[in-house]
Amino acid sequence: MKDAILQKLGLDEVPKIHKRDLENLVIPVHMKNKYISMLKLHHNRQRRSLPSLAGILRGIPGNADIAGEFVYSDTTRQRMVFDMNTRIPENSEVTMAELKLFKKAPNKRSMPDRKNHRLVTNARVSIYWVEMLENRSNRTYLVDSRLIPIHETGWKSFDVTQAVHYWSKTQQKTPMHLEVWIEGERPGSYAADMAKSVHFTTQDQLHNTLGKPELILYTLNLEDFGSRGDCENNPDKDTCCREKYFINFRALTWTQYWIIEPAGYQAYRCAGGCKQPKRNYGYGERKCTIAESAPLPMMYLVKKGDYTEIEVAEFPNMIVESCACTMDNISIV
């Protein structure tokens, strides 16, 4: 993985990034938007691989609907907490996690005066996973962001699968915290003021009964619906298959300050052996290797002299999609 990242960036070694380089770091809006667009493409690729899966998931009784609580709320940010204890069944995998928030249409009388400003019809709503650190501070990681129509009423859905995966790997003994950030759809004071009129329930305690935040977990019973070719669904543990392998960027010394987003991801890896032919004619033995892979969008730091800049790029071959037995890089069916 390190070699793949360095090759993509054209570097011979990992940049020397220190904790002090992160002090007073501000992510430019255009870089944040670039990362958001790449993240959406990444989510869409994942969804395209699950068309039949969606029907399976909805057919399984007991999909977890978890009601959350708002623990902090103002006009631009909200913190919510979800009690995840025993919510994910044993021997199952969360394939999709959806956050649902109920939005109220604003009172037209409270809307800011447009005057000569360009029309603003949307606000940007971003969802962050909050990592609770041992020193009682926290760090936030962007997991989804989209434009929400300001004048609509109804439930709005966000993809928080990445947040649930990371929580399950690092903080299972604590509740899961998410933050909602509400911003203008474009720079400028008028767009920012219009965004402040976006209200999800419980920002106004008088309307708390309209609907608490909901977290919907779609899980697969690995015994019945395990993905084809994955080790969890393979009765013969010694044969070639794809097994889970989570990479925590915050735990690796060479990435903890260099890579800003994501905090970690499910990379998977190939494991197991392959049947060998009686005669190999000098081609060597068959080995279990990566047959298909997928890219991963990342936000990272670039050191330029005494200055540190933020860059965004999609790194190829970061996620193992499937494994197969190969001989000299030739796939054997």
C-alpha atoms as a PDB file:
ATOM      1  CA  MET A   1       0.000   0.000   0.000  1.00  0.00           C
ATOM      2  CA  LYS A   2       2.809   2.402   0.878  1.00  0.00           C
ATOM      3  CA  ASP A   3       4.504   1.733  -2.481  1.00  0.00           C
ATOM      4  CA  ALA A   4       1.230   2.329  -4.356  1.00  0.00           C
ATOM      5  CA  ILE A   5       0.684   5.693  -2.637  1.00  0.00           C
ATOM      6  CA  LEU A   6       4.268   6.841  -3.194  1.00  0.00           C
ATOM      7  CA  GLN A   7       4.149   5.779  -6.850  1.00  0.00           C
ATOM      8  CA  LYS A   8       0.903   7.694  -7.402  1.00  0.00           C
ATOM      9  CA  LEU A   9       2.505  10.839  -5.934  1.00  0.00           C
ATOM     10  CA  GLY A  10       5.842  10.339  -7.672  1.00  0.00           C
ATOM     11  CA  LEU A  11       7.717  10.206  -4.353  1.00  0.00           C
ATOM     12  CA  ASP A  12      10.662   8.045  -3.272  1.00  0.00           C
ATOM     13  CA  GLU A  13       9.900   8.262   0.451  1.00  0.00           C
ATOM     14  CA  VAL A  14       7.149   9.299   2.852  1.00  0.00           C
ATOM     15  CA  PRO A  15       7.091  13.086   3.508  1.00  0.00           C
ATOM     16  CA  LYS A  16       8.172  14.100   6.996  1.00  0.00           C
ATOM     17  CA  ILE A  17       4.865  15.432   8.337  1.00  0.00           C
ATOM     18  CA  HIS A  18       4.680  16.300  12.047  1.00  0.00           C
ATOM     19  CA  LYS A  19       1.810  17.065  14.396  1.00  0.00           C
ATOM     20  CA  ARG A  20       2.763  20.755  14.398  1.00  0.00           C
ATOM     21  CA  ASP A  21       2.089  20.845  10.631  1.00  0.00           C
ATOM     22  CA  LEU A  22      -1.609  20.294  11.430  1.00  0.00           C
ATOM     23  CA  GLU A  23      -1.873  23.279  13.757  1.00  0.00           C
ATOM     24  CA  ASN A  24      -4.206  25.971  12.430  1.00  0.00           C
ATOM     25  CA  LEU A  25      -4.709  23.887   9.270  1.00  0.00           C
ATOM     26  CA  VAL A  26      -7.727  25.022   7.245  1.00  0.00           C
ATOM     27  CA  ILE A  27      -9.154  22.834   4.478  1.00  0.00           C
ATOM     28  CA  PRO A  28      -9.895  25.043   1.423  1.00  0.00           C
ATOM     29  CA  VAL A  29     -13.496  24.885   0.205  1.00  0.00           C
ATOM     30  CA  HIS A  30     -12.491  23.749  -3.315  1.00  0.00           C
ATOM     31  CA  MET A  31     -10.433  20.868  -1.860  1.00  0.00           C
ATOM     32  CA  LYS A  32     -13.299  19.828   0.397  1.00  0.00           C
ATOM     33  CA  ASN A  33     -15.715  19.875  -2.561  1.00  0.00           C
ATOM     34  CA  LYS A  34     -13.289  17.856  -4.674  1.00  0.00           C
ATOM     35  CA  TYR A  35     -13.029  15.207  -1.969  1.00  0.00           C
ATOM     36  CA  ILE A  36     -16.832  15.150  -1.559  1.00  0.00           C
ATOM     37  CA  SER A  37     -17.336  14.545  -5.297  1.00  0.00           C
ATOM     38  CA  MET A  38     -14.789  11.702  -5.271  1.00  0.00           C
ATOM     39  CA  LEU A  39     -16.440  10.231  -2.179  1.00  0.00           C
ATOM     40  CA  LYS A  40     -19.817  10.223  -3.943  1.00  0.00           C
ATOM     41  CA  LEU A  41     -18.358   8.359  -6.924  1.00  0.00           C
ATOM     42  CA  HIS A  42     -16.838   5.858  -4.498  1.00  0.00           C
ATOM     43  CA  HIS A  43     -20.208   5.333  -2.774  1.00  0.00           C
ATOM     44  CA  ASN A  44     -21.969   4.972  -6.139  1.00  0.00           C
ATOM     45  CA  ARG A  45     -19.519   2.277  -7.257  1.00  0.00           C
ATOM     46  CA  GLN A  46     -20.242   0.372  -4.069  1.00  0.00           C
ATOM     47  CA  ARG A  47     -24.010   0.687  -4.553  1.00  0.00           C
ATOM     48  CA  ARG A  48     -23.825  -0.575  -8.151  1.00  0.00           C
ATOM     49  CA  SER A  49     -22.356  -3.822  -6.851  1.00  0.00           C
ATOM     50  CA  LEU A  50     -25.361  -4.332  -4.540  1.00  0.00           C
ATOM     51  CA  PRO A  51     -28.514  -4.258  -6.715  1.00  0.00           C
ATOM     52  CA  SER A  52     -29.722  -7.723  -5.773  1.00  0.00           C
ATOM     53  CA  LEU A  53     -28.309  -7.339  -2.296  1.00  0.00           C
ATOM     54  CA  ALA A  54     -30.749  -4.530  -1.486  1.00  0.00           C
ATOM     55  CA  GLY A  55     -33.649  -6.934  -1.955  1.00  0.00           C
ATOM     56  CA  ILE A  56     -31.957  -9.541   0.226  1.00  0.00           C
ATOM     57  CA  LEU A  57     -31.343  -6.997   2.972  1.00  0.00           C
ATOM     58  CA  ARG A  58     -34.902  -5.734   3.049  1.00  0.00           C
ATOM     59  CA  GLY A  59     -36.127  -9.310   3.129  1.00  0.00           C
ATOM     60  CA  ILE A  60     -34.239 -10.094   6.331  1.00  0.00           C
ATOM     61  CA  PRO A  61     -36.328  -9.420   9.439  1.00  0.00           C
ATOM     62  CA  GLY A  62     -34.734  -7.410  12.196  1.00  0.00           C
ATOM     63  CA  ASN A  63     -32.775  -4.815  10.238  1.00  0.00           C
ATOM     64  CA  ALA A  64     -31.644  -2.464  12.973  1.00  0.00           C
ATOM     65  CA  ASP A  65     -33.448   0.874  13.188  1.00  0.00           C
ATOM     66  CA  ILE A  66     -31.683   2.818  15.941  1.00  0.00           C
ATOM     67  CA  ALA A  67     -33.158   6.026  17.328  1.00  0.00           C
ATOM     68  CA  GLY A  68     -30.540   8.603  18.255  1.00  0.00           C
ATOM     69  CA  GLU A  69     -30.449  11.613  20.554  1.00  0.00           C
ATOM     70  CA  PHE A  70     -29.271  15.143  19.839  1.00  0.00           C
ATOM     71  CA  VAL A  71     -26.797  16.176  22.528  1.00  0.00           C
ATOM     72  CA  TYR A  72     -25.923  19.571  21.055  1.00  0.00           C
ATOM     73  CA  SER A  73     -27.653  21.833  18.557  1.00  0.00           C
ATOM     74  CA  ASP A  74     -27.290  25.334  17.116  1.00  0.00           C
ATOM     75  CA  THR A  75     -28.035  26.955  13.745  1.00  0.00           C
ATOM     76  CA  THR A  76     -25.072  25.396  11.898  1.00  0.00           C
ATOM     77  CA  ARG A  77     -24.048  22.242  13.811  1.00  0.00           C
ATOM     78  CA  GLN A  78     -25.674  19.342  15.601  1.00  0.00           C
ATOM     79  CA  ARG A  79     -24.133  16.448  17.551  1.00  0.00           C
ATOM     80  CA  MET A  80     -26.061  13.198  17.872  1.00  0.00           C
ATOM     81  CA  VAL A  81     -25.305   9.980  19.683  1.00  0.00           C
ATOM     82  CA  PHE A  82     -26.439   6.415  18.939  1.00  0.00           C
ATOM     83  CA  ASP A  83     -26.349   3.537  21.422  1.00  0.00           C
ATOM     84  CA  MET A  84     -24.907   0.721  19.292  1.00  0.00           C
ATOM     85  CA  ASN A  85     -24.706  -1.912  22.031  1.00  0.00           C
ATOM     86  CA  THR A  86     -25.775  -5.344  20.660  1.00  0.00           C
ATOM     87  CA  ARG A  87     -27.218  -3.687  17.537  1.00  0.00           C
ATOM     88  CA  ILE A  88     -24.973  -5.596  15.100  1.00  0.00           C
ATOM     89  CA  PRO A  89     -25.726  -9.344  15.252  1.00  0.00           C
ATOM     90  CA  GLU A  90     -22.891 -11.811  15.648  1.00  0.00           C
ATOM     91  CA  ASN A  91     -21.514 -13.384  12.462  1.00  0.00           C
ATOM     92  CA  SER A  92     -22.954 -10.587  10.347  1.00  0.00           C
ATOM     93  CA  GLU A  93     -21.580  -7.731   8.295  1.00  0.00           C
ATOM     94  CA  VAL A  94     -22.917  -4.180   7.956  1.00  0.00           C
ATOM     95  CA  THR A  95     -23.131  -3.662   4.210  1.00  0.00           C
ATOM     96  CA  MET A  96     -24.925  -0.327   4.305  1.00  0.00           C
ATOM     97  CA  ALA A  97     -25.736   2.258   6.994  1.00  0.00           C
ATOM     98  CA  GLU A  98     -28.207   5.079   6.422  1.00  0.00           C
ATOM     99  CA  LEU A  99     -28.732   8.146   8.608  1.00  0.00           C
ATOM    100  CA  LYS A 100     -32.221   9.669   8.344  1.00  0.00           C
ATOM    101  CA  LEU A 101     -32.971  13.198   9.558  1.00  0.00           C
ATOM    102  CA  PHE A 102     -36.359  14.913   9.465  1.00  0.00           C
ATOM    103  CA  LYS A 103     -36.223  18.418   7.975  1.00  0.00           C
ATOM    104  CA  LYS A 104     -38.822  21.119   8.510  1.00  0.00           C
ATOM    105  CA  ALA A 105     -39.554  23.791   5.925  1.00  0.00           C
ATOM    106  CA  PRO A 106     -38.535  27.232   7.233  1.00  0.00           C
ATOM    107  CA  ASN A 107     -40.979  29.969   8.145  1.00  0.00           C
ATOM    108  CA  LYS A 108     -40.918  32.423   5.236  1.00  0.00           C
ATOM    109  CA  ARG A 109     -41.102  35.339   7.633  1.00  0.00           C
ATOM    110  CA  SER A 110     -37.782  34.323   9.176  1.00  0.00           C
ATOM    111  CA  MET A 111     -35.943  34.122   5.836  1.00  0.00           C
ATOM    112  CA  PRO A 112     -33.215  36.727   5.187  1.00  0.00           C
ATOM    113  CA  ASP A 113     -33.970  39.556   2.734  1.00  0.00           C
ATOM    114  CA  ARG A 114     -32.667  38.604  -0.714  1.00  0.00           C
ATOM    115  CA  LYS A 115     -32.150  42.200  -1.946  1.00  0.00           C
ATOM    116  CA  ASN A 116     -29.769  42.009  -4.936  1.00  0.00           C
ATOM    117  CA  HIS A 117     -28.259  38.609  -4.116  1.00  0.00           C
ATOM    118  CA  ARG A 118     -28.322  35.616  -6.454  1.00  0.00           C
ATOM    119  CA  LEU A 119     -31.095  33.104  -5.757  1.00  0.00           C
ATOM    120  CA  VAL A 120     -30.170  30.434  -3.186  1.00  0.00           C
ATOM    121  CA  THR A 121     -32.350  27.313  -3.057  1.00  0.00           C
ATOM    122  CA  ASN A 122     -30.065  24.743  -1.363  1.00  0.00           C
ATOM    123  CA  ALA A 123     -27.806  24.345   1.646  1.00  0.00           C
ATOM    124  CA  ARG A 124     -24.860  21.962   1.969  1.00  0.00           C
ATOM    125  CA  VAL A 125     -25.340  19.395   4.741  1.00  0.00           C
ATOM    126  CA  SER A 126     -22.282  17.332   5.697  1.00  0.00           C
ATOM    127  CA  ILE A 127     -22.103  14.359   8.060  1.00  0.00           C
ATOM    128  CA  TYR A 128     -18.980  13.733  10.136  1.00  0.00           C
ATOM    129  CA  TRP A 129     -18.031  10.766  12.293  1.00  0.00           C
ATOM    130  CA  VAL A 130     -16.636  11.901  15.644  1.00  0.00           C
ATOM    131  CA  GLU A 131     -13.739   9.921  17.090  1.00  0.00           C
ATOM    132  CA  MET A 132     -13.656  10.216  20.880  1.00  0.00           C
ATOM    133  CA  LEU A 133     -10.015  10.333  22.015  1.00  0.00           C
ATOM    134  CA  GLU A 134      -8.599   9.162  25.343  1.00  0.00           C
ATOM    135  CA  ASN A 135      -7.649  12.712  26.374  1.00  0.00           C
ATOM    136  CA  ARG A 136     -11.382  13.642  26.116  1.00  0.00           C
ATOM    137  CA  SER A 137     -10.866  15.629  22.920  1.00  0.00           C
ATOM    138  CA  ASN A 138     -12.238  14.467  19.574  1.00  0.00           C
ATOM    139  CA  ARG A 139     -11.526  14.432  15.854  1.00  0.00           C
ATOM    140  CA  THR A 140     -14.064  14.591  13.029  1.00  0.00           C
ATOM    141  CA  TYR A 141     -13.996  12.757   9.689  1.00  0.00           C
ATOM    142  CA  LEU A 142     -16.212  13.548   6.705  1.00  0.00           C
ATOM    143  CA  VAL A 143     -18.368  10.599   5.569  1.00  0.00           C
ATOM    144  CA  ASP A 144     -21.085  12.150   3.381  1.00  0.00           C
ATOM    145  CA  SER A 145     -22.173  15.545   2.064  1.00  0.00           C
ATOM    146  CA  ARG A 146     -24.975  16.720  -0.209  1.00  0.00           C
ATOM    147  CA  LEU A 147     -27.077  19.713  -1.202  1.00  0.00           C
ATOM    148  CA  ILE A 148     -30.480  19.817   0.511  1.00  0.00           C
ATOM    149  CA  PRO A 149     -33.388  21.951  -0.800  1.00  0.00           C
ATOM    150  CA  ILE A 150     -34.051  24.670   1.779  1.00  0.00           C
ATOM    151  CA  HIS A 151     -37.835  24.890   1.372  1.00  0.00           C
ATOM    152  CA  GLU A 152     -38.677  21.159   1.496  1.00  0.00           C
ATOM    153  CA  THR A 153     -40.144  19.182   4.396  1.00  0.00           C
ATOM    154  CA  GLY A 154     -39.443  15.477   4.907  1.00  0.00           C
ATOM    155  CA  TRP A 155     -36.851  12.827   5.741  1.00  0.00           C
ATOM    156  CA  LYS A 156     -33.346  13.237   4.290  1.00  0.00           C
ATOM    157  CA  SER A 157     -30.973  10.271   4.010  1.00  0.00           C
ATOM    158  CA  PHE A 158     -27.171  10.152   4.237  1.00  0.00           C
ATOM    159  CA  ASP A 159     -24.704   7.319   3.656  1.00  0.00           C
ATOM    160  CA  VAL A 160     -22.779   6.706   6.898  1.00  0.00           C
ATOM    161  CA  THR A 161     -21.508   3.186   6.127  1.00  0.00           C
ATOM    162  CA  GLN A 162     -17.922   4.346   6.434  1.00  0.00           C
ATOM    163  CA  ALA A 163     -18.595   5.780   9.907  1.00  0.00           C
ATOM    164  CA  VAL A 164     -20.150   2.536  11.181  1.00  0.00           C
ATOM    165  CA  HIS A 165     -17.278   0.448   9.801  1.00  0.00           C
ATOM    166  CA  TYR A 166     -14.693   2.660  11.479  1.00  0.00           C
ATOM    167  CA  TRP A 167     -16.618   2.801  14.772  1.00  0.00           C
ATOM    168  CA  SER A 168     -16.923  -1.008  14.803  1.00  0.00           C
ATOM    169  CA  LYS A 169     -13.151  -1.354  14.430  1.00  0.00           C
ATOM    170  CA  THR A 170     -12.062   1.207  17.014  1.00  0.00           C
ATOM    171  CA  GLN A 171     -14.724   2.180  19.555  1.00  0.00           C
ATOM    172  CA  GLN A 172     -17.244  -0.619  20.022  1.00  0.00           C
ATOM    173  CA  LYS A 173     -17.416  -0.071  23.782  1.00  0.00           C
ATOM    174  CA  THR A 174     -18.734   3.487  23.410  1.00  0.00           C
ATOM    175  CA  PRO A 175     -21.781   5.016  21.667  1.00  0.00           C
ATOM    176  CA  MET A 176     -21.322   6.297  18.122  1.00  0.00           C
ATOM    177  CA  HIS A 177     -21.219  10.076  17.696  1.00  0.00           C
ATOM    178  CA  LEU A 178     -22.090  11.879  14.450  1.00  0.00           C
ATOM    179  CA  GLU A 179     -22.109  15.589  13.653  1.00  0.00           C
ATOM    180  CA  VAL A 180     -24.216  17.511  11.120  1.00  0.00           C
ATOM    181  CA  TRP A 181     -22.652  20.635   9.624  1.00  0.00           C
ATOM    182  CA  ILE A 182     -24.933  23.042   7.716  1.00  0.00           C
ATOM    183  CA  GLU A 183     -23.244  25.491   5.338  1.00  0.00           C
ATOM    184  CA  GLY A 184     -24.080  27.717   2.385  1.00  0.00           C
ATOM    185  CA  GLU A 185     -24.219  26.096  -1.041  1.00  0.00           C
ATOM    186  CA  ARG A 186     -21.636  28.632  -2.209  1.00  0.00           C
ATOM    187  CA  PRO A 187     -19.384  31.271  -0.605  1.00  0.00           C
ATOM    188  CA  GLY A 188     -20.994  34.480   0.599  1.00  0.00           C
ATOM    189  CA  SER A 189     -22.937  35.816   3.566  1.00  0.00           C
ATOM    190  CA  TYR A 190     -26.367  35.498   1.916  1.00  0.00           C
ATOM    191  CA  ALA A 191     -25.913  31.759   1.172  1.00  0.00           C
ATOM    192  CA  ALA A 192     -24.650  31.268   4.749  1.00  0.00           C
ATOM    193  CA  ASP A 193     -27.675  33.110   6.178  1.00  0.00           C
ATOM    194  CA  MET A 194     -30.053  31.063   4.025  1.00  0.00           C
ATOM    195  CA  ALA A 195     -28.393  27.858   5.254  1.00  0.00           C
ATOM    196  CA  LYS A 196     -29.178  28.851   8.850  1.00  0.00           C
ATOM    197  CA  SER A 197     -32.875  28.462   8.009  1.00  0.00           C
ATOM    198  CA  VAL A 198     -32.382  24.693   7.477  1.00  0.00           C
ATOM    199  CA  HIS A 199     -33.727  22.939  10.577  1.00  0.00           C
ATOM    200  CA  PHE A 200     -33.754  19.263  11.440  1.00  0.00           C
ATOM    201  CA  THR A 201     -36.022  18.178  14.277  1.00  0.00           C
ATOM    202  CA  THR A 202     -34.914  18.838  17.850  1.00  0.00           C
ATOM    203  CA  GLN A 203     -33.198  22.079  16.874  1.00  0.00           C
ATOM    204  CA  ASP A 204     -36.521  23.445  18.089  1.00  0.00           C
ATOM    205  CA  GLN A 205     -37.448  21.490  21.219  1.00  0.00           C
ATOM    206  CA  LEU A 206     -41.143  22.314  20.740  1.00  0.00           C
ATOM    207  CA  HIS A 207     -41.186  20.039  17.668  1.00  0.00           C
ATOM    208  CA  ASN A 208     -39.141  17.184  19.110  1.00  0.00           C
ATOM    209  CA  THR A 209     -41.960  14.703  18.419  1.00  0.00           C
ATOM    210  CA  LEU A 210     -41.644  15.074  14.627  1.00  0.00           C
ATOM    211  CA  GLY A 211     -38.910  12.486  14.479  1.00  0.00           C
ATOM    212  CA  LYS A 212     -35.633  11.695  16.184  1.00  0.00           C
ATOM    213  CA  PRO A 213     -32.539  10.979  14.062  1.00  0.00           C
ATOM    214  CA  GLU A 214     -32.604   7.384  12.837  1.00  0.00           C
ATOM    215  CA  LEU A 215     -29.771   5.058  11.940  1.00  0.00           C
ATOM    216  CA  ILE A 216     -30.725   2.123   9.714  1.00  0.00           C
ATOM    217  CA  LEU A 217     -28.252  -0.753   9.487  1.00  0.00           C
ATOM    218  CA  TYR A 218     -28.491  -3.225   6.625  1.00  0.00           C
ATOM    219  CA  THR A 219     -26.720  -6.407   7.650  1.00  0.00           C
ATOM    220  CA  LEU A 220     -26.013  -9.720   5.985  1.00  0.00           C
ATOM    221  CA  ASN A 221     -25.991 -13.023   7.824  1.00  0.00           C
ATOM    222  CA  LEU A 222     -22.661 -14.363   6.625  1.00  0.00           C
ATOM    223  CA  GLU A 223     -23.758 -17.965   7.083  1.00  0.00           C
ATOM    224  CA  ASP A 224     -26.629 -17.512   4.622  1.00  0.00           C
ATOM    225  CA  PHE A 225     -25.689 -14.614   2.379  1.00  0.00           C
ATOM    226  CA  GLY A 226     -21.909 -14.280   2.539  1.00  0.00           C
ATOM    227  CA  SER A 227     -20.358 -12.734  -0.565  1.00  0.00           C
ATOM    228  CA  ARG A 228     -19.158 -15.272  -3.100  1.00  0.00           C
ATOM    229  CA  GLY A 229     -15.410 -15.739  -2.823  1.00  0.00           C
ATOM    230  CA  ASP A 230     -15.161 -14.230   0.679  1.00  0.00           C
ATOM    231  CA  CYS A 231     -13.529 -16.285   3.406  1.00  0.00           C
ATOM    232  CA  GLU A 232     -16.540 -15.980   5.748  1.00  0.00           C
ATOM    233  CA  ASN A 233     -18.627 -17.906   3.219  1.00  0.00           C
ATOM    234  CA  ASN A 234     -15.957 -20.460   2.317  1.00  0.00           C
ATOM    235  CA  PRO A 235     -16.386 -23.871   4.004  1.00  0.00           C
ATOM    236  CA  ASP A 236     -12.842 -24.811   2.980  1.00  0.00           C
ATOM    237  CA  LYS A 237     -10.711 -22.325   4.901  1.00  0.00           C
ATOM    238  CA  ASP A 238      -7.540 -23.417   3.103  1.00  0.00           C
ATOM    239  CA  THR A 239      -8.655 -22.380  -0.397  1.00  0.00           C
ATOM    240  CA  CYS A 240      -8.134 -18.984  -2.010  1.00  0.00           C
ATOM    241  CA  CYS A 241     -10.595 -16.344  -0.765  1.00  0.00           C
ATOM    242  CA  ARG A 242     -10.910 -12.673   0.230  1.00  0.00           C
ATOM    243  CA  GLU A 243     -10.704 -11.895   3.952  1.00  0.00           C
ATOM    244  CA  LYS A 244     -11.371  -8.688   5.856  1.00  0.00           C
ATOM    245  CA  TYR A 245      -8.349  -6.480   6.520  1.00  0.00           C
ATOM    246  CA  PHE A 246      -9.016  -3.064   8.045  1.00  0.00           C
ATOM    247  CA  ILE A 247      -6.327  -0.409   7.677  1.00  0.00           C
ATOM    248  CA  ASN A 248      -6.339   2.237  10.420  1.00  0.00           C
ATOM    249  CA  PHE A 249      -4.441   5.270   9.121  1.00  0.00           C
ATOM    250  CA  ARG A 250      -4.383   6.778  12.623  1.00  0.00           C
ATOM    251  CA  ALA A 251      -2.494   3.777  14.006  1.00  0.00           C
ATOM    252  CA  LEU A 252       0.249   3.799  11.337  1.00  0.00           C
ATOM    253  CA  THR A 253       3.140   6.114  12.191  1.00  0.00           C
ATOM    254  CA  TRP A 254       3.761   7.035   8.545  1.00  0.00           C
ATOM    255  CA  THR A 255       0.120   8.016   7.827  1.00  0.00           C
ATOM    256  CA  GLN A 256      -1.304   9.377  11.116  1.00  0.00           C
ATOM    257  CA  TYR A 257      -0.506  13.022  10.227  1.00  0.00           C
ATOM    258  CA  TRP A 258       0.000  12.685   6.464  1.00  0.00           C
ATOM    259  CA  ILE A 259      -3.440  11.346   5.459  1.00  0.00           C
ATOM    260  CA  ILE A 260      -6.339  13.534   6.638  1.00  0.00           C
ATOM    261  CA  GLU A 261      -9.278  11.589   5.169  1.00  0.00           C
ATOM    262  CA  PRO A 262     -10.356   8.838   5.545  1.00  0.00           C
ATOM    263  CA  ALA A 263      -9.334   7.796   9.055  1.00  0.00           C
ATOM    264  CA  GLY A 264      -9.246   4.188   7.880  1.00  0.00           C
ATOM    265  CA  TYR A 265     -10.941   1.783   5.484  1.00  0.00           C
ATOM    266  CA  GLN A 266     -11.755  -1.873   4.754  1.00  0.00           C
ATOM    267  CA  ALA A 267      -9.032  -2.895   2.308  1.00  0.00           C
ATOM    268  CA  TYR A 268      -9.492  -6.700   2.321  1.00  0.00           C
ATOM    269  CA  ARG A 269      -6.689  -9.084   1.310  1.00  0.00           C
ATOM    270  CA  CYS A 270      -6.259 -12.476  -0.362  1.00  0.00           C
ATOM    271  CA  ALA A 271      -5.610 -15.557   1.746  1.00  0.00           C
ATOM    272  CA  GLY A 272      -5.524 -19.325   1.328  1.00  0.00           C
ATOM    273  CA  GLY A 273      -3.921 -21.745  -1.064  1.00  0.00           C
ATOM    274  CA  CYS A 274      -4.536 -23.019  -4.586  1.00  0.00           C
ATOM    275  CA  LYS A 275      -4.684 -26.488  -6.090  1.00  0.00           C
ATOM    276  CA  GLN A 276      -1.554 -27.282  -8.070  1.00  0.00           C
ATOM    277  CA  PRO A 277      -1.567 -29.085 -11.436  1.00  0.00           C
ATOM    278  CA  LYS A 278       0.269 -32.418 -11.660  1.00  0.00           C
ATOM    279  CA  ARG A 279       2.489 -30.857 -14.319  1.00  0.00           C
ATOM    280  CA  ASN A 280       3.295 -27.171 -14.364  1.00  0.00           C
ATOM    281  CA  TYR A 281       5.675 -27.192 -17.339  1.00  0.00           C
ATOM    282  CA  GLY A 282       8.028 -24.784 -15.597  1.00  0.00           C
ATOM    283  CA  TYR A 283       5.443 -22.067 -14.964  1.00  0.00           C
ATOM    284  CA  GLY A 284       5.775 -22.233 -11.173  1.00  0.00           C
ATOM    285  CA  GLU A 285       3.080 -22.806  -8.583  1.00  0.00           C
ATOM    286  CA  ARG A 286      -0.355 -21.229  -8.545  1.00  0.00           C
ATOM    287  CA  LYS A 287      -0.820 -18.520  -5.914  1.00  0.00           C
ATOM    288  CA  CYS A 288      -3.812 -16.734  -4.417  1.00  0.00           C
ATOM    289  CA  THR A 289      -3.597 -13.139  -5.660  1.00  0.00           C
ATOM    290  CA  ILE A 290      -5.763 -10.077  -6.350  1.00  0.00           C
ATOM    291  CA  ALA A 291      -8.014 -10.502  -9.390  1.00  0.00           C
ATOM    292  CA  GLU A 292      -9.928  -7.204  -9.162  1.00  0.00           C
ATOM    293  CA  SER A 293      -9.316  -4.038  -7.177  1.00  0.00           C
ATOM    294  CA  ALA A 294     -10.948  -0.643  -6.665  1.00  0.00           C
ATOM    295  CA  PRO A 295      -9.616   2.883  -5.995  1.00  0.00           C
ATOM    296  CA  LEU A 296      -9.966   4.941  -2.811  1.00  0.00           C
ATOM    297  CA  PRO A 297     -10.289   8.764  -2.624  1.00  0.00           C
ATOM    298  CA  MET A 298      -7.960  10.366  -0.065  1.00  0.00           C
ATOM    299  CA  MET A 299      -7.151  13.827   1.293  1.00  0.00           C
ATOM    300  CA  TYR A 300      -3.509  14.253   2.300  1.00  0.00           C
ATOM    301  CA  LEU A 301      -0.812  16.818   3.105  1.00  0.00           C
ATOM    302  CA  VAL A 302       1.996  17.939   0.807  1.00  0.00           C
ATOM    303  CA  LYS A 303       5.117  19.553   2.261  1.00  0.00           C
ATOM    304  CA  LYS A 304       6.495  22.393   0.107  1.00  0.00           C
ATOM    305  CA  GLY A 305       9.475  23.881   1.905  1.00  0.00           C
ATOM    306  CA  ASP A 306       8.225  25.473   5.123  1.00  0.00           C
ATOM    307  CA  TYR A 307       4.615  25.338   3.933  1.00  0.00           C
ATOM    308  CA  THR A 308       2.050  22.534   4.100  1.00  0.00           C
ATOM    309  CA  GLU A 309      -0.714  22.234   1.496  1.00  0.00           C
ATOM    310  CA  ILE A 310      -3.746  19.955   1.182  1.00  0.00           C
ATOM    311  CA  GLU A 311      -4.276  17.783  -1.880  1.00  0.00           C
ATOM    312  CA  VAL A 312      -7.013  15.344  -2.918  1.00  0.00           C
ATOM    313  CA  ALA A 313      -6.580  12.349  -5.242  1.00  0.00           C
ATOM    314  CA  GLU A 314      -8.018   8.926  -6.005  1.00  0.00           C
ATOM    315  CA  PHE A 315      -5.503   6.172  -5.384  1.00  0.00           C
ATOM    316  CA  PRO A 316      -5.867   3.027  -7.539  1.00  0.00           C
ATOM    317  CA  ASN A 317      -5.774  -0.587  -6.349  1.00  0.00           C
ATOM    318  CA  MET A 318      -6.424   0.227  -2.689  1.00  0.00           C
ATOM    319  CA  ILE A 319      -9.420  -2.095  -2.143  1.00  0.00           C
ATOM    320  CA  VAL A 320      -9.427  -5.792  -3.026  1.00  0.00           C
ATOM    321  CA  GLU A 321     -12.651  -6.642  -4.881  1.00  0.00           C
ATOM    322  CA  SER A 322     -11.962 -10.335  -5.606  1.00  0.00           C
ATOM    323  CA  CYS A 323      -9.222 -12.951  -5.413  1.00  0.00           C
ATOM    324  CA  ALA A 324      -8.206 -15.782  -7.748  1.00  0.00           C
ATOM    325  CA  CYS A 325      -5.524 -18.401  -8.265  1.00  0.00           C
ATOM    326  CA  THR A 326      -2.939 -17.265 -10.803  1.00  0.00           C
ATOM    327  CA  MET A 327       0.173 -18.708 -12.395  1.00  0.00           C
ATOM    328  CA  ASP A 328       2.678 -16.105 -13.592  1.00  0.00           C
ATOM    329  CA  ASN A 329      -0.102 -13.490 -13.403  1.00  0.00           C
ATOM    330  CA  ILE A 330      -2.369 -15.556 -15.670  1.00  0.00           C
ATOM    331  CA  SER A 331      -5.748 -16.239 -14.100  1.00  0.00           C
ATOM    332  CA  ILE A 332      -6.645 -19.924 -13.913  1.00  0.00           C
ATOM    333  CA  VAL A 333     -10.378 -20.674 -13.867  1.00  0.00           C
END
